Amino acid sequence: SLRLSCAASGSIFAIGFMGWYRQAPGKQRELVARITSGGSTDYADS
């Protein structure tokens, strides 16, 4: 297991989606998971 964290800083007024993408060598960047400000989530099937 691993846990990734991300913090946003600066001139932040309204944050919509936050999420994680990944890119493996030789492949396109793909969505891993995202979450709305209300807590709704989407995940890649994998």
All heavy atoms as atom14 arrays in JSON, in Angstrom:
{
  "sequence": "SLRLSCAASGSIFAIGFMGWYRQAPGKQRELVARITSGGSTDYADS",
  "atom14_mask": [
    [1, 1, 1, 1, 1, 1, 0, 0, 0, 0, 0, 0, 0, 0],
    [1, 1, 1, 1, 1, 1, 1, 1, 0, 0, 0, 0, 0, 0],
    [1, 1, 1, 1, 1, 1, 1, 1, 1, 1, 1, 0, 0, 0],
    [1, 1, 1, 1, 1, 1, 1, 1, 0, 0, 0, 0, 0, 0],
    [1, 1, 1, 1, 1, 1, 0, 0, 0, 0, 0, 0, 0, 0],
    [1, 1, 1, 1, 1, 1, 0, 0, 0, 0, 0, 0, 0, 0],
    [1, 1, 1, 1, 1, 0, 0, 0, 0, 0, 0, 0, 0, 0],
    [1, 1, 1, 1, 1, 0, 0, 0, 0, 0, 0, 0, 0, 0],
    [1, 1, 1, 1, 1, 1, 0, 0, 0, 0, 0, 0, 0, 0],
    [1, 1, 1, 1, 0, 0, 0, 0, 0, 0, 0, 0, 0, 0],
    [1, 1, 1, 1, 1, 1, 0, 0, 0, 0, 0, 0, 0, 0],
    [1, 1, 1, 1, 1, 1, 1, 1, 0, 0, 0, 0, 0, 0],
    [1, 1, 1, 1, 1, 1, 1, 1, 1, 1, 1, 0, 0, 0],
    [1, 1, 1, 1, 1, 0, 0, 0, 0, 0, 0, 0, 0, 0],
    [1, 1, 1, 1, 1, 1, 1, 1, 0, 0, 0, 0, 0, 0],
    [1, 1, 1, 1, 0, 0, 0, 0, 0, 0, 0, 0, 0, 0],
    [1, 1, 1, 1, 1, 1, 1, 1, 1, 1, 1, 0, 0, 0],
    [1, 1, 1, 1, 1, 1, 1, 1, 0, 0, 0, 0, 0, 0],
    [1, 1, 1, 1, 0, 0, 0, 0, 0, 0, 0, 0, 0, 0],
    [1, 1, 1, 1, 1, 1, 1, 1, 1, 1, 1, 1, 1, 1],
    [1, 1, 1, 1, 1, 1, 1, 1, 1, 1, 1, 1, 0, 0],
    [1, 1, 1, 1, 1, 1, 1, 1, 1, 1, 1, 0, 0, 0],
    [1, 1, 1, 1, 1, 1, 1, 1, 1, 0, 0, 0, 0, 0],
    [1, 1, 1, 1, 1, 0, 0, 0, 0, 0, 0, 0, 0, 0],
    [1, 1, 1, 1, 1, 1, 1, 0, 0, 0, 0, 0, 0, 0],
    [1, 1, 1, 1, 0, 0, 0, 0, 0, 0, 0, 0, 0, 0],
    [1, 1, 1, 1, 1, 1, 1, 1, 1, 0, 0, 0, 0, 0],
    [1, 1, 1, 1, 1, 1, 1, 1, 1, 0, 0, 0, 0, 0],
    [1, 1, 1, 1, 1, 1, 1, 1, 1, 1, 1, 0, 0, 0],
    [1, 1, 1, 1, 1, 1, 1, 1, 1, 0, 0, 0, 0, 0],
    [1, 1, 1, 1, 1, 1, 1, 1, 0, 0, 0, 0, 0, 0],
    [1, 1, 1, 1, 1, 1, 1, 0, 0, 0, 0, 0, 0, 0],
    [1, 1, 1, 1, 1, 0, 0, 0, 0, 0, 0, 0, 0, 0],
    [1, 1, 1, 1, 1, 1, 1, 1, 1, 1, 1, 0, 0, 0],
    [1, 1, 1, 1, 1, 1, 1, 1, 0, 0, 0, 0, 0, 0],
    [1, 1, 1, 1, 1, 1, 1, 0, 0, 0, 0, 0, 0, 0],
    [1, 1, 1, 1, 1, 1, 0, 0, 0, 0, 0, 0, 0, 0],
    [1, 1, 1, 1, 0, 0, 0, 0, 0, 0, 0, 0, 0, 0],
    [1, 1, 1, 1, 0, 0, 0, 0, 0, 0, 0, 0, 0, 0],
    [1, 1, 1, 1, 1, 1, 0, 0, 0, 0, 0, 0, 0, 0],
    [1, 1, 1, 1, 1, 1, 1, 0, 0, 0, 0, 0, 0, 0],
    [1, 1, 1, 1, 1, 1, 1, 1, 0, 0, 0, 0, 0, 0],
    [1, 1, 1, 1, 1, 1, 1, 1, 1, 1, 1, 1, 0, 0],
    [1, 1, 1, 1, 1, 0, 0, 0, 0, 0, 0, 0, 0, 0],
    [1, 1, 1, 1, 1, 1, 1, 1, 0, 0, 0, 0, 0, 0],
    [1, 1, 1, 1, 1, 1, 0, 0, 0, 0, 0, 0, 0, 0]
  ],
  "atom14_positions": [
    [[0.83, -1.2, 0.0], [0.0, 0.0, 0.0], [0.86, 1.25, 0.0], [1.99, 1.25, 0.51], [-0.9, 0.02, 1.25], [-1.78, -1.07, 1.26], [0.0, 0.0, 0.0], [0.0, 0.0, 0.0], [0.0, 0.0, 0.0], [0.0, 0.0, 0.0], [0.0, 0.0, 0.0], [0.0, 0.0, 0.0], [0.0, 0.0, 0.0], [0.0, 0.0, 0.0]],
    [[0.31, 2.3, -0.57], [0.9, 3.64, -0.52], [-0.22, 4.65, -0.42], [-1.35, 4.39, -0.87], [1.71, 3.94, -1.79], [3.12, 3.37, -1.93], [3.67, 3.72, -3.31], [4.04, 3.89, -0.85], [0.0, 0.0, 0.0], [0.0, 0.0, 0.0], [0.0, 0.0, 0.0], [0.0, 0.0, 0.0], [0.0, 0.0, 0.0], [0.0, 0.0, 0.0]],
    [[0.11, 5.79, 0.14], [-0.85, 6.88, 0.21], [-0.23, 8.12, -0.41], [0.85, 8.56, 0.01], [-1.26, 7.16, 1.66], [-2.34, 8.22, 1.8], [-2.76, 8.39, 3.26], [-3.79, 9.37, 3.44], [-5.1, 9.12, 3.31], [-5.5, 7.9, 3.02], [-5.98, 10.08, 3.5], [0.0, 0.0, 0.0], [0.0, 0.0, 0.0], [0.0, 0.0, 0.0]],
    [[-0.91, 8.68, -1.4], [-0.48, 9.92, -2.03], [-1.3, 11.08, -1.48], [-2.51, 10.92, -1.23], [-0.67, 9.86, -3.55], [0.0, 8.7, -4.28], [-0.26, 8.82, -5.79], [1.48, 8.63, -3.99], [0.0, 0.0, 0.0], [0.0, 0.0, 0.0], [0.0, 0.0, 0.0], [0.0, 0.0, 0.0], [0.0, 0.0, 0.0], [0.0, 0.0, 0.0]],
    [[-0.64, 12.21, -1.3], [-1.33, 13.41, -0.84], [-0.97, 14.58, -1.73], [0.12, 14.62, -2.31], [-0.97, 13.72, 0.61], [-1.41, 12.7, 1.47], [0.0, 0.0, 0.0], [0.0, 0.0, 0.0], [0.0, 0.0, 0.0], [0.0, 0.0, 0.0], [0.0, 0.0, 0.0], [0.0, 0.0, 0.0], [0.0, 0.0, 0.0], [0.0, 0.0, 0.0]],
    [[-1.89, 15.53, -1.83], [-1.67, 16.72, -2.66], [-2.33, 17.9, -1.96], [-3.48, 17.82, -1.55], [-2.28, 16.49, -4.03], [-2.27, 17.93, -5.11], [0.0, 0.0, 0.0], [0.0, 0.0, 0.0], [0.0, 0.0, 0.0], [0.0, 0.0, 0.0], [0.0, 0.0, 0.0], [0.0, 0.0, 0.0], [0.0, 0.0, 0.0], [0.0, 0.0, 0.0]],
    [[-1.58, 18.98, -1.86], [-2.1, 20.2, -1.24], [-2.07, 21.34, -2.24], [-1.04, 21.58, -2.9], [-1.28, 20.56, 0.0], [0.0, 0.0, 0.0], [0.0, 0.0, 0.0], [0.0, 0.0, 0.0], [0.0, 0.0, 0.0], [0.0, 0.0, 0.0], [0.0, 0.0, 0.0], [0.0, 0.0, 0.0], [0.0, 0.0, 0.0], [0.0, 0.0, 0.0]],
    [[-3.18, 22.04, -2.34], [-3.26, 23.21, -3.21], [-3.01, 24.46, -2.39], [-3.48, 24.58, -1.26], [-4.64, 23.28, -3.86], [0.0, 0.0, 0.0], [0.0, 0.0, 0.0], [0.0, 0.0, 0.0], [0.0, 0.0, 0.0], [0.0, 0.0, 0.0], [0.0, 0.0, 0.0], [0.0, 0.0, 0.0], [0.0, 0.0, 0.0], [0.0, 0.0, 0.0]],
    [[-2.26, 25.38, -2.94], [-1.98, 26.64, -2.25], [-1.97, 27.78, -3.25], [-1.86, 27.57, -4.45], [-0.63, 26.57, -1.53], [0.42, 26.4, -2.46], [0.0, 0.0, 0.0], [0.0, 0.0, 0.0], [0.0, 0.0, 0.0], [0.0, 0.0, 0.0], [0.0, 0.0, 0.0], [0.0, 0.0, 0.0], [0.0, 0.0, 0.0], [0.0, 0.0, 0.0]],
    [[-2.11, 29.0, -2.73], [-2.09, 30.17, -3.59], [-3.44, 30.85, -3.62], [-4.2, 30.8, -2.65], [0.0, 0.0, 0.0], [0.0, 0.0, 0.0], [0.0, 0.0, 0.0], [0.0, 0.0, 0.0], [0.0, 0.0, 0.0], [0.0, 0.0, 0.0], [0.0, 0.0, 0.0], [0.0, 0.0, 0.0], [0.0, 0.0, 0.0], [0.0, 0.0, 0.0]],
    [[-3.74, 31.47, -4.73], [-4.99, 32.23, -4.88], [-6.13, 31.28, -5.24], [-6.47, 31.1, -6.41], [-4.82, 33.3, -5.96], [-3.77, 34.19, -5.61], [0.0, 0.0, 0.0], [0.0, 0.0, 0.0], [0.0, 0.0, 0.0], [0.0, 0.0, 0.0], [0.0, 0.0, 0.0], [0.0, 0.0, 0.0], [0.0, 0.0, 0.0], [0.0, 0.0, 0.0]],
    [[-6.7, 30.67, -4.21], [-7.74, 29.67, -4.41], [-9.08, 30.25, -3.99], [-9.26, 30.62, -2.83], [-7.44, 28.41, -3.6], [-6.1, 27.8, -4.04], [-8.56, 27.39, -3.77], [-5.64, 26.69, -3.15], [0.0, 0.0, 0.0], [0.0, 0.0, 0.0], [0.0, 0.0, 0.0], [0.0, 0.0, 0.0], [0.0, 0.0, 0.0], [0.0, 0.0, 0.0]],
    [[-10.01, 30.33, -4.94], [-11.34, 30.84, -4.62], [-12.4, 29.77, -4.68], [-13.33, 29.76, -3.88], [-11.68, 31.99, -5.57], [-10.75, 33.16, -5.44], [-9.75, 33.38, -6.36], [-10.86, 34.03, -4.37], [-8.88, 34.45, -6.23], [-9.99, 35.11, -4.24], [-9.0, 35.32, -5.16], [0.0, 0.0, 0.0], [0.0, 0.0, 0.0], [0.0, 0.0, 0.0]],
    [[-12.28, 28.89, -5.64], [-13.28, 27.83, -5.78], [-12.62, 26.62, -6.42], [-12.12, 26.7, -7.54], [-14.45, 28.3, -6.63], [0.0, 0.0, 0.0], [0.0, 0.0, 0.0], [0.0, 0.0, 0.0], [0.0, 0.0, 0.0], [0.0, 0.0, 0.0], [0.0, 0.0, 0.0], [0.0, 0.0, 0.0], [0.0, 0.0, 0.0], [0.0, 0.0, 0.0]],
    [[-12.62, 25.51, -5.71], [-12.05, 24.27, -6.25], [-13.18, 23.34, -6.65], [-14.04, 23.03, -5.83], [-11.13, 23.57, -5.23], [-10.03, 24.51, -4.76], [-10.52, 22.32, -5.86], [-9.09, 23.87, -3.74], [0.0, 0.0, 0.0], [0.0, 0.0, 0.0], [0.0, 0.0, 0.0], [0.0, 0.0, 0.0], [0.0, 0.0, 0.0], [0.0, 0.0, 0.0]],
    [[-13.18, 22.94, -7.89], [-14.16, 21.98, -8.36], [-13.61, 20.58, -8.18], [-13.32, 20.15, -7.07], [0.0, 0.0, 0.0], [0.0, 0.0, 0.0], [0.0, 0.0, 0.0], [0.0, 0.0, 0.0], [0.0, 0.0, 0.0], [0.0, 0.0, 0.0], [0.0, 0.0, 0.0], [0.0, 0.0, 0.0], [0.0, 0.0, 0.0], [0.0, 0.0, 0.0]],
    [[-13.41, 19.87, -9.28], [-12.85, 18.52, -9.21], [-11.42, 18.57, -8.66], [-10.65, 19.48, -8.96], [-12.78, 17.88, -10.59], [-14.09, 17.34, -11.09], [-14.8, 17.98, -12.08], [-14.6, 16.16, -10.57], [-16.0, 17.48, -12.55], [-15.8, 15.64, -11.03], [-16.5, 16.3, -12.02], [0.0, 0.0, 0.0], [0.0, 0.0, 0.0], [0.0, 0.0, 0.0]],
    [[-11.09, 17.57, -7.87], [-9.7, 17.27, -7.55], [-9.51, 15.78, -7.84], [-10.46, 14.99, -7.7], [-9.37, 17.54, -6.08], [-9.5, 19.0, -5.67], [-8.88, 19.33, -4.0], [-7.11, 19.43, -4.32], [0.0, 0.0, 0.0], [0.0, 0.0, 0.0], [0.0, 0.0, 0.0], [0.0, 0.0, 0.0], [0.0, 0.0, 0.0], [0.0, 0.0, 0.0]],
    [[-8.32, 15.43, -8.26], [-8.14, 14.03, -8.6], [-6.71, 13.65, -8.89], [-5.79, 14.45, -8.69], [0.0, 0.0, 0.0], [0.0, 0.0, 0.0], [0.0, 0.0, 0.0], [0.0, 0.0, 0.0], [0.0, 0.0, 0.0], [0.0, 0.0, 0.0], [0.0, 0.0, 0.0], [0.0, 0.0, 0.0], [0.0, 0.0, 0.0], [0.0, 0.0, 0.0]],
    [[-6.56, 12.42, -9.34], [-5.26, 11.86, -9.65], [-5.28, 11.22, -11.03], [-6.24, 10.51, -11.37], [-4.88, 10.8, -8.61], [-4.66, 11.37, -7.25], [-5.59, 11.53, -6.28], [-3.44, 11.9, -6.73], [-5.02, 12.13, -5.17], [-3.7, 12.35, -5.43], [-2.14, 12.01, -7.24], [-2.71, 12.92, -4.62], [-1.17, 12.58, -6.44], [-1.45, 13.02, -5.14]],
    [[-4.24, 11.49, -11.78], [-4.01, 10.86, -13.07], [-2.66, 10.15, -12.98], [-1.86, 10.43, -12.08], [-3.96, 11.91, -14.19], [-5.3, 12.5, -14.54], [-5.97, 13.36, -13.68], [-5.92, 12.2, -15.76], [-7.21, 13.9, -14.0], [-7.15, 12.74, -16.1], [-7.78, 13.59, -15.21], [-9.01, 14.12, -15.55], [0.0, 0.0, 0.0], [0.0, 0.0, 0.0]],
    [[-2.43, 9.25, -13.92], [-1.13, 8.59, -13.97], [-0.69, 8.39, -15.41], [-1.5, 8.31, -16.3], [-1.15, 7.25, -13.22], [-2.01, 6.18, -13.88], [-2.08, 4.96, -12.96], [-2.9, 3.9, -13.55], [-3.24, 2.77, -12.9], [-2.83, 2.58, -11.65], [-3.96, 1.86, -13.51], [0.0, 0.0, 0.0], [0.0, 0.0, 0.0], [0.0, 0.0, 0.0]],
    [[0.63, 8.31, -15.56], [1.19, 8.09, -16.87], [2.35, 7.11, -16.76], [3.35, 7.38, -16.08], [1.68, 9.39, -17.5], [2.11, 9.24, -18.94], [2.26, 10.57, -19.64], [2.36, 11.62, -19.02], [2.25, 10.54, -20.96], [0.0, 0.0, 0.0], [0.0, 0.0, 0.0], [0.0, 0.0, 0.0], [0.0, 0.0, 0.0], [0.0, 0.0, 0.0]],
    [[2.18, 5.96, -17.41], [3.23, 4.95, -17.45], [4.09, 5.18, -18.69], [3.63, 5.81, -19.66], [2.61, 3.56, -17.48], [0.0, 0.0, 0.0], [0.0, 0.0, 0.0], [0.0, 0.0, 0.0], [0.0, 0.0, 0.0], [0.0, 0.0, 0.0], [0.0, 0.0, 0.0], [0.0, 0.0, 0.0], [0.0, 0.0, 0.0], [0.0, 0.0, 0.0]],
    [[5.31, 4.69, -18.69], [6.19, 4.88, -19.86], [5.55, 4.38, -21.15], [5.02, 3.26, -21.2], [7.43, 4.05, -19.5], [7.44, 4.03, -18.01], [6.0, 3.98, -17.6], [0.0, 0.0, 0.0], [0.0, 0.0, 0.0], [0.0, 0.0, 0.0], [0.0, 0.0, 0.0], [0.0, 0.0, 0.0], [0.0, 0.0, 0.0], [0.0, 0.0, 0.0]],
    [[5.55, 5.22, -22.17], [4.99, 4.84, -23.46], [3.48, 4.86, -23.54], [2.92, 4.45, -24.56], [0.0, 0.0, 0.0], [0.0, 0.0, 0.0], [0.0, 0.0, 0.0], [0.0, 0.0, 0.0], [0.0, 0.0, 0.0], [0.0, 0.0, 0.0], [0.0, 0.0, 0.0], [0.0, 0.0, 0.0], [0.0, 0.0, 0.0], [0.0, 0.0, 0.0]],
    [[2.83, 5.32, -22.48], [1.36, 5.33, -22.48], [0.86, 6.75, -22.25], [1.58, 7.62, -21.77], [0.82, 4.4, -21.39], [1.12, 2.93, -21.65], [0.41, 2.06, -20.63], [0.64, 0.58, -20.92], [-0.09, -0.28, -19.95], [0.0, 0.0, 0.0], [0.0, 0.0, 0.0], [0.0, 0.0, 0.0], [0.0, 0.0, 0.0], [0.0, 0.0, 0.0]],
    [[-0.42, 6.95, -22.59], [-1.04, 8.25, -22.37], [-1.41, 8.43, -20.9], [-1.62, 7.46, -20.17], [-2.29, 8.38, -23.24], [-2.02, 8.51, -24.72], [-3.28, 8.81, -25.51], [-4.37, 8.42, -25.13], [-3.12, 9.53, -26.62], [0.0, 0.0, 0.0], [0.0, 0.0, 0.0], [0.0, 0.0, 0.0], [0.0, 0.0, 0.0], [0.0, 0.0, 0.0]],
    [[-1.49, 9.68, -20.5], [-1.96, 9.97, -19.14], [-3.41, 9.55, -19.03], [-4.23, 9.82, -19.92], [-1.8, 11.46, -18.83], [-2.01, 11.83, -17.39], [-1.69, 13.29, -17.13], [-0.29, 13.6, -17.37], [0.27, 14.77, -17.05], [-0.45, 15.71, -16.46], [1.54, 14.98, -17.32], [0.0, 0.0, 0.0], [0.0, 0.0, 0.0], [0.0, 0.0, 0.0]],
    [[-3.75, 8.91, -17.9], [-5.12, 8.42, -17.72], [-5.64, 8.8, -16.34], [-4.87, 8.94, -15.37], [-5.17, 6.89, -17.86], [-4.36, 6.13, -16.82], [-4.52, 4.62, -16.93], [-5.25, 4.14, -17.81], [-3.91, 3.93, -16.1], [0.0, 0.0, 0.0], [0.0, 0.0, 0.0], [0.0, 0.0, 0.0], [0.0, 0.0, 0.0], [0.0, 0.0, 0.0]],
    [[-6.94, 8.96, -16.26], [-7.59, 9.25, -14.99], [-7.53, 8.02, -14.09], [-7.85, 6.92, -14.52], [-9.05, 9.64, -15.22], [-9.9, 9.82, -13.98], [-9.45, 11.04, -13.18], [-11.38, 9.93, -14.34], [0.0, 0.0, 0.0], [0.0, 0.0, 0.0], [0.0, 0.0, 0.0], [0.0, 0.0, 0.0], [0.0, 0.0, 0.0], [0.0, 0.0, 0.0]],
    [[-7.14, 8.25, -12.85], [-7.18, 7.19, -11.84], [-8.43, 7.33, -11.0], [-9.21, 6.4, -10.83], [-5.92, 7.24, -10.94], [-6.01, 6.18, -9.85], [-4.66, 7.06, -11.77], [0.0, 0.0, 0.0], [0.0, 0.0, 0.0], [0.0, 0.0, 0.0], [0.0, 0.0, 0.0], [0.0, 0.0, 0.0], [0.0, 0.0, 0.0], [0.0, 0.0, 0.0]],
    [[-8.62, 8.53, -10.44], [-9.78, 8.79, -9.59], [-9.96, 10.29, -9.47], [-8.98, 11.05, -9.53], [-9.61, 8.17, -8.21], [0.0, 0.0, 0.0], [0.0, 0.0, 0.0], [0.0, 0.0, 0.0], [0.0, 0.0, 0.0], [0.0, 0.0, 0.0], [0.0, 0.0, 0.0], [0.0, 0.0, 0.0], [0.0, 0.0, 0.0], [0.0, 0.0, 0.0]],
    [[-11.19, 10.72, -9.27], [-11.46, 12.13, -9.03], [-12.63, 12.25, -8.07], [-13.43, 11.33, -7.91], [-11.74, 12.88, -10.34], [-12.99, 12.45, -11.05], [-13.18, 13.24, -12.34], [-14.39, 12.84, -13.04], [-14.81, 13.39, -14.17], [-14.11, 14.37, -14.73], [-15.92, 12.99, -14.74], [0.0, 0.0, 0.0], [0.0, 0.0, 0.0], [0.0, 0.0, 0.0]],
    [[-12.72, 13.44, -7.45], [-13.74, 13.65, -6.44], [-14.21, 15.1, -6.54], [-13.41, 16.03, -6.72], [-13.17, 13.33, -5.03], [-14.24, 13.46, -3.96], [-11.94, 14.17, -4.71], [-13.82, 12.88, -2.61], [0.0, 0.0, 0.0], [0.0, 0.0, 0.0], [0.0, 0.0, 0.0], [0.0, 0.0, 0.0], [0.0, 0.0, 0.0], [0.0, 0.0, 0.0]],
    [[-15.52, 15.29, -6.41], [-16.08, 16.64, -6.43], [-16.02, 17.25, -5.04], [-15.73, 16.56, -4.04], [-17.54, 16.6, -6.88], [-18.32, 15.94, -5.87], [-17.69, 15.86, -8.2], [0.0, 0.0, 0.0], [0.0, 0.0, 0.0], [0.0, 0.0, 0.0], [0.0, 0.0, 0.0], [0.0, 0.0, 0.0], [0.0, 0.0, 0.0], [0.0, 0.0, 0.0]],
    [[-16.33, 18.54, -4.94], [-16.33, 19.21, -3.65], [-17.4, 18.62, -2.74], [-17.28, 18.68, -1.51], [-16.55, 20.71, -3.82], [-17.76, 20.96, -4.51], [0.0, 0.0, 0.0], [0.0, 0.0, 0.0], [0.0, 0.0, 0.0], [0.0, 0.0, 0.0], [0.0, 0.0, 0.0], [0.0, 0.0, 0.0], [0.0, 0.0, 0.0], [0.0, 0.0, 0.0]],
    [[-18.42, 18.01, -3.34], [-19.47, 17.39, -2.55], [-19.19, 15.95, -2.16], [-19.97, 15.35, -1.43], [0.0, 0.0, 0.0], [0.0, 0.0, 0.0], [0.0, 0.0, 0.0], [0.0, 0.0, 0.0], [0.0, 0.0, 0.0], [0.0, 0.0, 0.0], [0.0, 0.0, 0.0], [0.0, 0.0, 0.0], [0.0, 0.0, 0.0], [0.0, 0.0, 0.0]],
    [[-18.07, 15.41, -2.66], [-17.67, 14.07, -2.26], [-18.04, 12.96, -3.23], [-17.77, 11.79, -2.96], [0.0, 0.0, 0.0], [0.0, 0.0, 0.0], [0.0, 0.0, 0.0], [0.0, 0.0, 0.0], [0.0, 0.0, 0.0], [0.0, 0.0, 0.0], [0.0, 0.0, 0.0], [0.0, 0.0, 0.0], [0.0, 0.0, 0.0], [0.0, 0.0, 0.0]],
    [[-18.61, 13.3, -4.39], [-18.88, 12.27, -5.4], [-17.58, 11.84, -6.05], [-16.72, 12.68, -6.32], [-19.83, 12.82, -6.46], [-21.08, 13.12, -5.87], [0.0, 0.0, 0.0], [0.0, 0.0, 0.0], [0.0, 0.0, 0.0], [0.0, 0.0, 0.0], [0.0, 0.0, 0.0], [0.0, 0.0, 0.0], [0.0, 0.0, 0.0], [0.0, 0.0, 0.0]],
    [[-17.47, 10.54, -6.31], [-16.2, 10.0, -6.81], [-16.36, 9.23, -8.11], [-17.43, 8.68, -8.4], [-15.56, 9.06, -5.77], [-16.48, 8.0, -5.47], [-15.22, 9.81, -4.49], [0.0, 0.0, 0.0], [0.0, 0.0, 0.0], [0.0, 0.0, 0.0], [0.0, 0.0, 0.0], [0.0, 0.0, 0.0], [0.0, 0.0, 0.0], [0.0, 0.0, 0.0]],
    [[-15.3, 9.21, -8.89], [-15.18, 8.38, -10.09], [-13.84, 7.66, -10.01], [-12.85, 8.26, -9.58], [-15.2, 9.22, -11.36], [-16.56, 9.8, -11.66], [-17.55, 9.09, -11.51], [-16.61, 10.99, -12.06], [0.0, 0.0, 0.0], [0.0, 0.0, 0.0], [0.0, 0.0, 0.0], [0.0, 0.0, 0.0], [0.0, 0.0, 0.0], [0.0, 0.0, 0.0]],
    [[-13.83, 6.4, -10.44], [-12.61, 5.62, -10.45], [-12.42, 4.94, -11.81], [-13.39, 4.53, -12.44], [-12.64, 4.52, -9.38], [-12.63, 5.01, -7.96], [-13.81, 5.24, -7.27], [-11.42, 5.25, -7.31], [-13.8, 5.68, -5.96], [-11.39, 5.68, -5.99], [-12.59, 5.9, -5.33], [-12.57, 6.35, -4.02], [0.0, 0.0, 0.0], [0.0, 0.0, 0.0]],
    [[-11.18, 4.77, -12.2], [-10.9, 3.92, -13.34], [-11.26, 2.49, -12.96], [-11.08, 2.08, -11.8], [-9.41, 4.0, -13.7], [0.0, 0.0, 0.0], [0.0, 0.0, 0.0], [0.0, 0.0, 0.0], [0.0, 0.0, 0.0], [0.0, 0.0, 0.0], [0.0, 0.0, 0.0], [0.0, 0.0, 0.0], [0.0, 0.0, 0.0], [0.0, 0.0, 0.0]],
    [[-11.74, 1.73, -13.93], [-12.14, 0.34, -13.65], [-10.98, -0.46, -13.07], [-11.17, -1.33, -12.22], [-12.64, -0.33, -14.93], [-14.01, 0.17, -15.35], [-14.71, 0.79, -14.51], [-14.38, -0.04, -16.51], [0.0, 0.0, 0.0], [0.0, 0.0, 0.0], [0.0, 0.0, 0.0], [0.0, 0.0, 0.0], [0.0, 0.0, 0.0], [0.0, 0.0, 0.0]],
    [[-9.79, -0.16, -13.51], [-8.62, -0.94, -13.1], [-8.25, -0.76, -11.62], [-7.48, -1.56, -11.08], [-7.42, -0.57, -13.97], [-7.12, 0.8, -13.84], [0.0, 0.0, 0.0], [0.0, 0.0, 0.0], [0.0, 0.0, 0.0], [0.0, 0.0, 0.0], [0.0, 0.0, 0.0], [0.0, 0.0, 0.0], [0.0, 0.0, 0.0], [0.0, 0.0, 0.0]]
  ]
}
